[in-house]
N, C-alpha and C. Protein backbone atom coordinates (compact mmCIF):
# COMPACT_ATOMS: atom_id res chain seq x y z
N MET A 1 100.11 263.10 351.30
CA MET A 1 99.53 263.88 352.37
C MET A 1 100.66 264.44 353.23
N PRO A 2 100.63 265.75 353.51
CA PRO A 2 101.68 266.34 354.35
C PRO A 2 101.67 265.76 355.77
N ARG A 3 102.84 265.65 356.32
CA ARG A 3 102.98 265.17 357.69
C ARG A 3 102.76 266.34 358.65
N VAL A 4 101.96 266.12 359.68
CA VAL A 4 101.65 267.17 360.64
C VAL A 4 102.56 267.01 361.85
N LEU A 5 103.22 268.11 362.24
CA LEU A 5 104.11 268.10 363.40
C LEU A 5 103.70 269.20 364.36
N ILE A 6 103.83 268.93 365.64
CA ILE A 6 103.67 269.97 366.65
C ILE A 6 105.08 270.45 366.98
N LEU A 7 105.37 271.70 366.65
CA LEU A 7 106.71 272.23 366.82
C LEU A 7 107.01 272.71 368.23
N GLY A 8 106.00 273.03 368.99
CA GLY A 8 106.24 273.52 370.34
C GLY A 8 104.97 274.03 370.95
N GLY A 9 105.10 274.52 372.15
CA GLY A 9 103.93 275.05 372.82
C GLY A 9 104.31 275.83 374.06
N ALA A 10 103.33 276.45 374.64
CA ALA A 10 103.52 277.20 375.88
C ALA A 10 102.18 277.30 376.57
N ARG A 11 102.23 277.44 377.86
CA ARG A 11 101.00 277.62 378.62
C ARG A 11 101.27 278.56 379.78
N THR A 12 100.22 279.11 380.31
CA THR A 12 100.36 279.94 381.50
C THR A 12 100.34 279.00 382.70
N PRO A 13 100.92 279.39 383.83
CA PRO A 13 100.94 278.51 385.00
C PRO A 13 99.55 278.34 385.60
N PHE A 14 99.37 277.24 386.31
CA PHE A 14 98.16 277.04 387.09
C PHE A 14 98.27 277.92 388.34
N VAL A 15 97.24 278.64 388.63
CA VAL A 15 97.18 279.42 389.87
C VAL A 15 95.79 279.26 390.47
N LYS A 16 95.70 279.49 391.74
CA LYS A 16 94.41 279.42 392.42
C LYS A 16 93.53 280.56 391.91
N ALA A 17 92.28 280.25 391.62
CA ALA A 17 91.34 281.25 391.11
C ALA A 17 91.26 282.45 392.06
N GLY A 18 91.23 283.62 391.44
CA GLY A 18 91.08 284.85 392.22
C GLY A 18 92.37 285.35 392.84
N THR A 19 93.53 284.79 392.45
CA THR A 19 94.80 285.23 393.04
C THR A 19 95.65 285.95 392.00
N ASP A 20 96.79 285.39 391.65
CA ASP A 20 97.79 286.05 390.82
C ASP A 20 97.27 286.53 389.46
N PHE A 21 96.36 285.79 388.86
CA PHE A 21 95.86 286.15 387.52
C PHE A 21 94.47 286.75 387.56
N ALA A 22 94.01 287.17 388.71
CA ALA A 22 92.64 287.65 388.87
C ALA A 22 92.31 288.81 387.94
N GLU A 23 93.29 289.65 387.63
CA GLU A 23 93.05 290.82 386.78
C GLU A 23 93.26 290.54 385.29
N LEU A 24 93.67 289.32 384.95
CA LEU A 24 93.91 288.97 383.55
C LEU A 24 92.65 288.35 382.95
N ASP A 25 92.41 288.63 381.68
CA ASP A 25 91.28 287.99 381.02
C ASP A 25 91.80 286.99 379.98
N VAL A 26 90.89 286.37 379.24
CA VAL A 26 91.29 285.33 378.29
C VAL A 26 92.26 285.85 377.22
N LEU A 27 92.10 287.09 376.79
CA LEU A 27 93.01 287.63 375.79
C LEU A 27 94.41 287.80 376.36
N ASP A 28 94.53 288.29 377.58
CA ASP A 28 95.84 288.41 378.21
C ASP A 28 96.55 287.06 378.27
N LEU A 29 95.82 286.04 378.69
CA LEU A 29 96.39 284.70 378.82
C LEU A 29 96.74 284.11 377.45
N ALA A 30 95.85 284.25 376.48
CA ALA A 30 96.10 283.72 375.15
C ALA A 30 97.28 284.42 374.48
N ARG A 31 97.33 285.72 374.63
CA ARG A 31 98.42 286.51 374.05
C ARG A 31 99.77 286.08 374.63
N ALA A 32 99.84 285.92 375.95
CA ALA A 32 101.09 285.53 376.62
C ALA A 32 101.56 284.15 376.15
N ALA A 33 100.65 283.19 376.11
CA ALA A 33 101.04 281.83 375.70
C ALA A 33 101.43 281.78 374.22
N THR A 34 100.70 282.51 373.38
CA THR A 34 101.00 282.51 371.95
C THR A 34 102.35 283.18 371.67
N ALA A 35 102.59 284.31 372.30
CA ALA A 35 103.87 285.01 372.11
C ALA A 35 105.03 284.11 372.55
N GLU A 36 104.87 283.43 373.67
CA GLU A 36 105.93 282.54 374.16
C GLU A 36 106.13 281.35 373.24
N ALA A 37 105.04 280.77 372.74
CA ALA A 37 105.17 279.63 371.82
C ALA A 37 105.89 280.04 370.53
N LEU A 38 105.55 281.21 370.00
CA LEU A 38 106.23 281.69 368.79
C LEU A 38 107.71 281.96 369.07
N ALA A 39 108.02 282.50 370.24
CA ALA A 39 109.43 282.77 370.60
C ALA A 39 110.21 281.47 370.77
N ARG A 40 109.63 280.50 371.45
CA ARG A 40 110.32 279.22 371.68
C ARG A 40 110.61 278.47 370.38
N THR A 41 109.67 278.53 369.46
CA THR A 41 109.84 277.79 368.20
C THR A 41 110.59 278.59 367.15
N GLU A 42 110.83 279.88 367.43
CA GLU A 42 111.53 280.78 366.52
C GLU A 42 110.83 280.88 365.16
N ILE A 43 109.50 280.80 365.20
CA ILE A 43 108.71 280.93 363.97
C ILE A 43 108.42 282.41 363.76
N ASP A 44 108.70 282.87 362.57
CA ASP A 44 108.37 284.24 362.19
C ASP A 44 106.85 284.33 362.04
N PRO A 45 106.19 285.26 362.71
CA PRO A 45 104.74 285.39 362.58
C PRO A 45 104.28 285.53 361.13
N GLY A 46 105.13 286.01 360.24
CA GLY A 46 104.78 286.12 358.83
C GLY A 46 104.62 284.77 358.15
N GLN A 47 105.15 283.70 358.77
CA GLN A 47 105.03 282.35 358.20
C GLN A 47 103.72 281.68 358.58
N VAL A 48 103.02 282.25 359.56
CA VAL A 48 101.79 281.63 360.06
C VAL A 48 100.68 281.79 359.03
N ASP A 49 100.04 280.66 358.70
CA ASP A 49 98.95 280.66 357.72
C ASP A 49 97.58 280.85 358.35
N GLU A 50 97.47 280.51 359.63
CA GLU A 50 96.16 280.55 360.27
C GLU A 50 96.33 280.49 361.79
N VAL A 51 95.38 281.06 362.51
CA VAL A 51 95.35 280.98 363.98
C VAL A 51 93.96 280.47 364.39
N ILE A 52 93.96 279.42 365.21
CA ILE A 52 92.70 278.84 365.69
C ILE A 52 92.78 278.75 367.20
N PHE A 53 91.77 279.29 367.87
CA PHE A 53 91.74 279.23 369.33
C PHE A 53 90.43 278.64 369.79
N GLY A 54 90.49 277.88 370.87
CA GLY A 54 89.30 277.37 371.52
C GLY A 54 89.07 278.14 372.80
N ASN A 55 87.81 278.31 373.13
CA ASN A 55 87.46 279.02 374.36
C ASN A 55 86.22 278.38 374.96
N VAL A 56 86.27 278.09 376.25
CA VAL A 56 85.16 277.40 376.92
C VAL A 56 83.88 278.22 376.85
N ALA A 57 83.97 279.47 377.24
CA ALA A 57 82.81 280.36 377.22
C ALA A 57 83.23 281.65 376.53
N ARG A 58 82.68 281.89 375.36
CA ARG A 58 83.11 283.04 374.56
C ARG A 58 82.88 284.34 375.30
N PRO A 59 83.94 285.12 375.53
CA PRO A 59 83.78 286.39 376.24
C PRO A 59 83.04 287.41 375.38
N VAL A 60 82.22 288.20 376.00
CA VAL A 60 81.45 289.21 375.28
C VAL A 60 82.37 290.22 374.59
N ALA A 61 83.47 290.56 375.24
CA ALA A 61 84.38 291.57 374.69
C ALA A 61 85.14 291.06 373.47
N TYR A 62 85.27 289.75 373.32
CA TYR A 62 86.05 289.19 372.21
C TYR A 62 85.23 288.11 371.50
N HIS A 63 84.50 288.52 370.49
CA HIS A 63 83.68 287.55 369.75
C HIS A 63 84.53 286.55 369.01
N ASN A 64 85.73 286.96 368.61
CA ASN A 64 86.66 286.07 367.93
C ASN A 64 88.02 286.21 368.60
N LEU A 65 88.24 285.42 369.63
CA LEU A 65 89.46 285.49 370.42
C LEU A 65 90.70 285.29 369.55
N ALA A 66 90.65 284.39 368.60
CA ALA A 66 91.81 284.14 367.73
C ALA A 66 92.20 285.39 366.95
N ARG A 67 91.23 286.11 366.43
CA ARG A 67 91.50 287.36 365.70
C ARG A 67 92.12 288.39 366.64
N GLU A 68 91.61 288.47 367.86
CA GLU A 68 92.15 289.41 368.84
C GLU A 68 93.60 289.08 369.18
N VAL A 69 93.95 287.79 369.23
CA VAL A 69 95.34 287.39 369.47
C VAL A 69 96.22 287.87 368.33
N VAL A 70 95.79 287.66 367.09
CA VAL A 70 96.55 288.11 365.92
C VAL A 70 96.80 289.61 366.00
N LEU A 71 95.76 290.37 366.25
CA LEU A 71 95.88 291.83 366.27
C LEU A 71 96.72 292.31 367.46
N SER A 72 96.54 291.69 368.62
CA SER A 72 97.27 292.15 369.81
C SER A 72 98.76 291.85 369.75
N LEU A 73 99.14 290.85 368.96
CA LEU A 73 100.56 290.51 368.81
C LEU A 73 101.17 291.15 367.56
N SER A 74 100.41 292.02 366.90
CA SER A 74 100.88 292.70 365.68
C SER A 74 101.33 291.70 364.61
N MET A 75 100.63 290.57 364.55
CA MET A 75 100.88 289.61 363.48
C MET A 75 100.26 290.16 362.20
N PRO A 76 100.68 289.69 361.04
CA PRO A 76 100.09 290.20 359.80
C PRO A 76 98.56 290.04 359.80
N THR A 77 97.87 291.09 359.43
CA THR A 77 96.40 291.05 359.46
C THR A 77 95.81 290.16 358.37
N ARG A 78 96.62 289.73 357.42
CA ARG A 78 96.16 288.82 356.37
C ARG A 78 95.89 287.42 356.91
N ILE A 79 96.38 287.12 358.12
CA ILE A 79 96.25 285.77 358.68
C ILE A 79 94.80 285.53 359.10
N PRO A 80 94.16 284.51 358.51
CA PRO A 80 92.80 284.19 358.96
C PRO A 80 92.85 283.61 360.37
N ALA A 81 91.85 283.94 361.15
CA ALA A 81 91.80 283.48 362.53
C ALA A 81 90.35 283.22 362.93
N PHE A 82 90.13 282.09 363.58
CA PHE A 82 88.78 281.82 364.06
C PHE A 82 88.82 281.12 365.41
N THR A 83 87.71 281.23 366.13
CA THR A 83 87.59 280.68 367.47
C THR A 83 86.52 279.60 367.46
N VAL A 84 86.82 278.49 368.14
CA VAL A 84 85.84 277.42 368.28
C VAL A 84 85.39 277.35 369.72
N GLY A 85 84.16 276.96 369.91
CA GLY A 85 83.62 276.82 371.25
C GLY A 85 82.92 275.48 371.39
N LEU A 86 83.51 274.58 372.12
CA LEU A 86 82.90 273.28 372.37
C LEU A 86 83.18 272.88 373.82
N ALA A 87 82.78 273.78 374.72
CA ALA A 87 82.98 273.60 376.16
C ALA A 87 84.43 273.21 376.45
N CYS A 88 84.62 272.20 377.26
CA CYS A 88 85.98 271.84 377.70
C CYS A 88 86.83 271.22 376.60
N ALA A 89 86.25 270.86 375.48
CA ALA A 89 87.01 270.27 374.38
C ALA A 89 87.48 271.32 373.37
N SER A 90 87.24 272.59 373.64
CA SER A 90 87.53 273.66 372.67
C SER A 90 88.97 273.69 372.20
N ALA A 91 89.92 273.61 373.11
CA ALA A 91 91.34 273.66 372.70
C ALA A 91 91.70 272.44 371.87
N CYS A 92 91.17 271.27 372.24
CA CYS A 92 91.44 270.05 371.46
C CYS A 92 90.86 270.17 370.06
N VAL A 93 89.68 270.74 369.95
CA VAL A 93 89.06 270.94 368.63
C VAL A 93 89.90 271.91 367.80
N ALA A 94 90.42 272.97 368.43
CA ALA A 94 91.27 273.93 367.72
C ALA A 94 92.53 273.24 367.20
N ILE A 95 93.15 272.42 368.02
CA ILE A 95 94.39 271.74 367.63
C ILE A 95 94.13 270.71 366.54
N THR A 96 93.06 269.93 366.66
CA THR A 96 92.77 268.94 365.61
C THR A 96 92.34 269.62 364.31
N SER A 97 91.66 270.75 364.41
CA SER A 97 91.32 271.51 363.20
C SER A 97 92.58 271.99 362.49
N ALA A 98 93.55 272.46 363.28
CA ALA A 98 94.82 272.89 362.71
C ALA A 98 95.52 271.72 362.00
N ALA A 99 95.54 270.58 362.66
CA ALA A 99 96.16 269.40 362.05
C ALA A 99 95.45 269.00 360.76
N ASP A 100 94.12 269.07 360.75
CA ASP A 100 93.35 268.75 359.54
C ASP A 100 93.68 269.71 358.40
N HIS A 101 93.82 271.00 358.71
CA HIS A 101 94.12 271.99 357.67
C HIS A 101 95.51 271.77 357.09
N ILE A 102 96.46 271.37 357.93
CA ILE A 102 97.80 271.08 357.44
C ILE A 102 97.79 269.78 356.63
N ALA A 103 97.18 268.73 357.16
CA ALA A 103 97.12 267.44 356.47
C ALA A 103 96.41 267.56 355.13
N GLY A 104 95.41 268.42 355.07
CA GLY A 104 94.66 268.61 353.82
C GLY A 104 95.36 269.52 352.83
N GLY A 105 96.51 270.06 353.20
CA GLY A 105 97.25 270.93 352.30
C GLY A 105 96.75 272.36 352.24
N ASN A 106 95.89 272.74 353.18
CA ASN A 106 95.35 274.10 353.19
C ASN A 106 96.20 275.09 353.96
N ALA A 107 97.18 274.58 354.71
CA ALA A 107 98.06 275.44 355.50
C ALA A 107 99.35 274.70 355.77
N ASP A 108 100.41 275.46 356.02
CA ASP A 108 101.69 274.87 356.40
C ASP A 108 101.99 275.11 357.88
N VAL A 109 101.69 276.30 358.38
CA VAL A 109 101.96 276.66 359.77
C VAL A 109 100.68 277.23 360.38
N VAL A 110 100.21 276.58 361.43
CA VAL A 110 99.00 277.03 362.12
C VAL A 110 99.31 277.15 363.61
N VAL A 111 98.91 278.26 364.20
CA VAL A 111 98.98 278.43 365.64
C VAL A 111 97.61 278.02 366.18
N ALA A 112 97.61 277.09 367.14
CA ALA A 112 96.34 276.61 367.69
C ALA A 112 96.48 276.44 369.19
N GLY A 113 95.40 276.71 369.89
CA GLY A 113 95.42 276.54 371.34
C GLY A 113 94.09 276.89 371.95
N GLY A 114 94.12 277.12 373.24
CA GLY A 114 92.89 277.45 373.95
C GLY A 114 93.17 278.37 375.11
N SER A 115 92.14 279.06 375.53
CA SER A 115 92.28 280.00 376.64
C SER A 115 90.97 280.06 377.41
N SER A 116 91.10 280.12 378.73
CA SER A 116 89.93 280.24 379.56
C SER A 116 90.31 280.98 380.83
N SER A 117 89.39 281.71 381.36
CA SER A 117 89.61 282.43 382.61
C SER A 117 88.36 282.28 383.46
N PRO A 118 88.27 281.17 384.21
CA PRO A 118 87.04 280.87 384.95
C PRO A 118 86.50 281.98 385.84
N PRO A 119 87.34 282.74 386.56
CA PRO A 119 86.74 283.77 387.41
C PRO A 119 86.01 284.85 386.62
N ARG A 120 86.30 285.00 385.35
CA ARG A 120 85.66 286.03 384.54
C ARG A 120 84.49 285.50 383.72
N ARG A 121 84.29 284.18 383.72
CA ARG A 121 83.17 283.61 382.99
C ARG A 121 81.88 283.86 383.74
N PRO A 122 80.78 284.07 383.00
CA PRO A 122 79.49 284.16 383.69
C PRO A 122 79.20 282.84 384.39
N ARG A 123 78.67 282.90 385.55
CA ARG A 123 78.40 281.68 386.31
C ARG A 123 77.02 281.15 385.98
N ALA A 124 76.92 279.83 385.86
CA ALA A 124 75.65 279.20 385.58
C ALA A 124 74.84 278.99 386.86
N CYS A 125 75.51 278.97 387.99
CA CYS A 125 74.85 278.74 389.27
C CYS A 125 75.02 279.97 390.14
N PRO A 126 74.07 280.22 391.02
CA PRO A 126 74.28 281.32 391.97
C PRO A 126 75.43 280.98 392.91
N ARG A 127 76.02 281.99 393.52
CA ARG A 127 77.15 281.77 394.43
C ARG A 127 76.81 280.78 395.54
N LYS A 128 75.66 280.97 396.19
CA LYS A 128 75.25 280.03 397.21
C LYS A 128 74.58 278.86 396.50
N ARG A 129 75.21 277.75 396.55
CA ARG A 129 74.67 276.58 395.85
C ARG A 129 73.90 275.70 396.81
N ASN A 130 72.81 275.20 396.32
CA ASN A 130 72.04 274.24 397.06
C ASN A 130 72.38 272.87 396.47
N PRO A 131 73.09 272.00 397.21
CA PRO A 131 73.53 270.74 396.63
C PRO A 131 72.40 269.90 396.05
N SER A 132 71.19 270.04 396.55
CA SER A 132 70.09 269.23 396.03
C SER A 132 69.75 269.60 394.59
N HIS A 133 70.17 270.79 394.14
CA HIS A 133 69.88 271.21 392.76
C HIS A 133 70.97 270.79 391.79
N MET A 134 72.03 270.17 392.28
CA MET A 134 73.16 269.85 391.42
C MET A 134 73.05 268.49 390.75
N PHE A 135 72.00 267.72 391.06
CA PHE A 135 71.87 266.40 390.50
C PHE A 135 70.61 266.32 389.64
N ALA A 136 70.69 265.54 388.58
CA ALA A 136 69.54 265.38 387.70
C ALA A 136 68.42 264.66 388.45
N ARG A 137 67.22 265.08 388.16
CA ARG A 137 66.05 264.46 388.77
C ARG A 137 65.03 264.16 387.69
N PRO A 138 64.16 263.21 387.95
CA PRO A 138 63.05 263.01 387.02
C PRO A 138 62.21 264.28 386.97
N THR A 139 61.56 264.51 385.85
CA THR A 139 60.79 265.73 385.69
C THR A 139 59.53 265.75 386.55
N SER A 140 59.07 264.59 386.96
CA SER A 140 57.90 264.57 387.83
C SER A 140 57.98 263.37 388.76
N HIS A 141 57.23 263.45 389.86
CA HIS A 141 57.21 262.33 390.79
C HIS A 141 56.54 261.12 390.14
N ARG A 142 55.60 261.38 389.24
CA ARG A 142 54.89 260.30 388.57
C ARG A 142 55.86 259.40 387.81
N SER A 143 56.82 259.99 387.09
CA SER A 143 57.75 259.17 386.31
C SER A 143 58.63 258.33 387.22
N ARG A 144 58.96 258.84 388.41
CA ARG A 144 59.79 258.08 389.34
C ARG A 144 59.00 256.88 389.87
N ARG A 145 57.72 257.11 390.23
CA ARG A 145 56.88 256.02 390.74
C ARG A 145 56.64 254.98 389.66
N ALA A 146 56.44 255.42 388.43
CA ALA A 146 56.16 254.48 387.34
C ALA A 146 57.35 253.59 387.09
N SER A 147 58.56 254.12 387.21
CA SER A 147 59.73 253.30 386.94
C SER A 147 60.01 252.31 388.07
N ALA A 148 59.45 252.54 389.27
CA ALA A 148 59.68 251.66 390.40
C ALA A 148 58.71 250.47 390.40
N ARG A 149 57.62 250.57 389.65
CA ARG A 149 56.63 249.48 389.61
C ARG A 149 57.14 248.32 388.78
N PRO A 150 56.81 247.11 389.20
CA PRO A 150 57.17 245.96 388.34
C PRO A 150 56.28 245.96 387.10
N PRO A 151 56.78 245.41 386.01
CA PRO A 151 55.97 245.39 384.79
C PRO A 151 54.70 244.57 384.98
N ARG A 152 53.62 245.01 384.32
CA ARG A 152 52.35 244.27 384.39
C ARG A 152 52.46 243.03 383.53
N GLY A 153 51.88 241.96 384.00
CA GLY A 153 52.03 240.80 383.17
C GLY A 153 50.99 239.84 383.25
């Protein structure tokens, strides 16, 4: 079984939402980190067998963020690329998928990572939040009363 190694990585800096990166979207961030990781490791993009990206909330403009990264960096178009979406675990799933493909002998060099841009994601809650709606509740008052009663015996 081939040994899997992480040769390097890169990330964009943490910034306060709505400030320095407010005009950047997930592709801008993914492209920047991927280009830097390839430069740091001195890997020729022609050696890459696959690109896998994770994304918390798939952007409408990019149905396959990994493919968009390949195309935006002028990497060879023969490189297969796919995007995984598993909420906050998306990048981890992308990285473990890459490791599995290498360990299984299906690839030698895989670029894997994740990208998210919270200010650009659709919001699940309205801007004005009512804290009482943020906690799970029983579906009915009846179920709450029933659970408070001692068992009949």
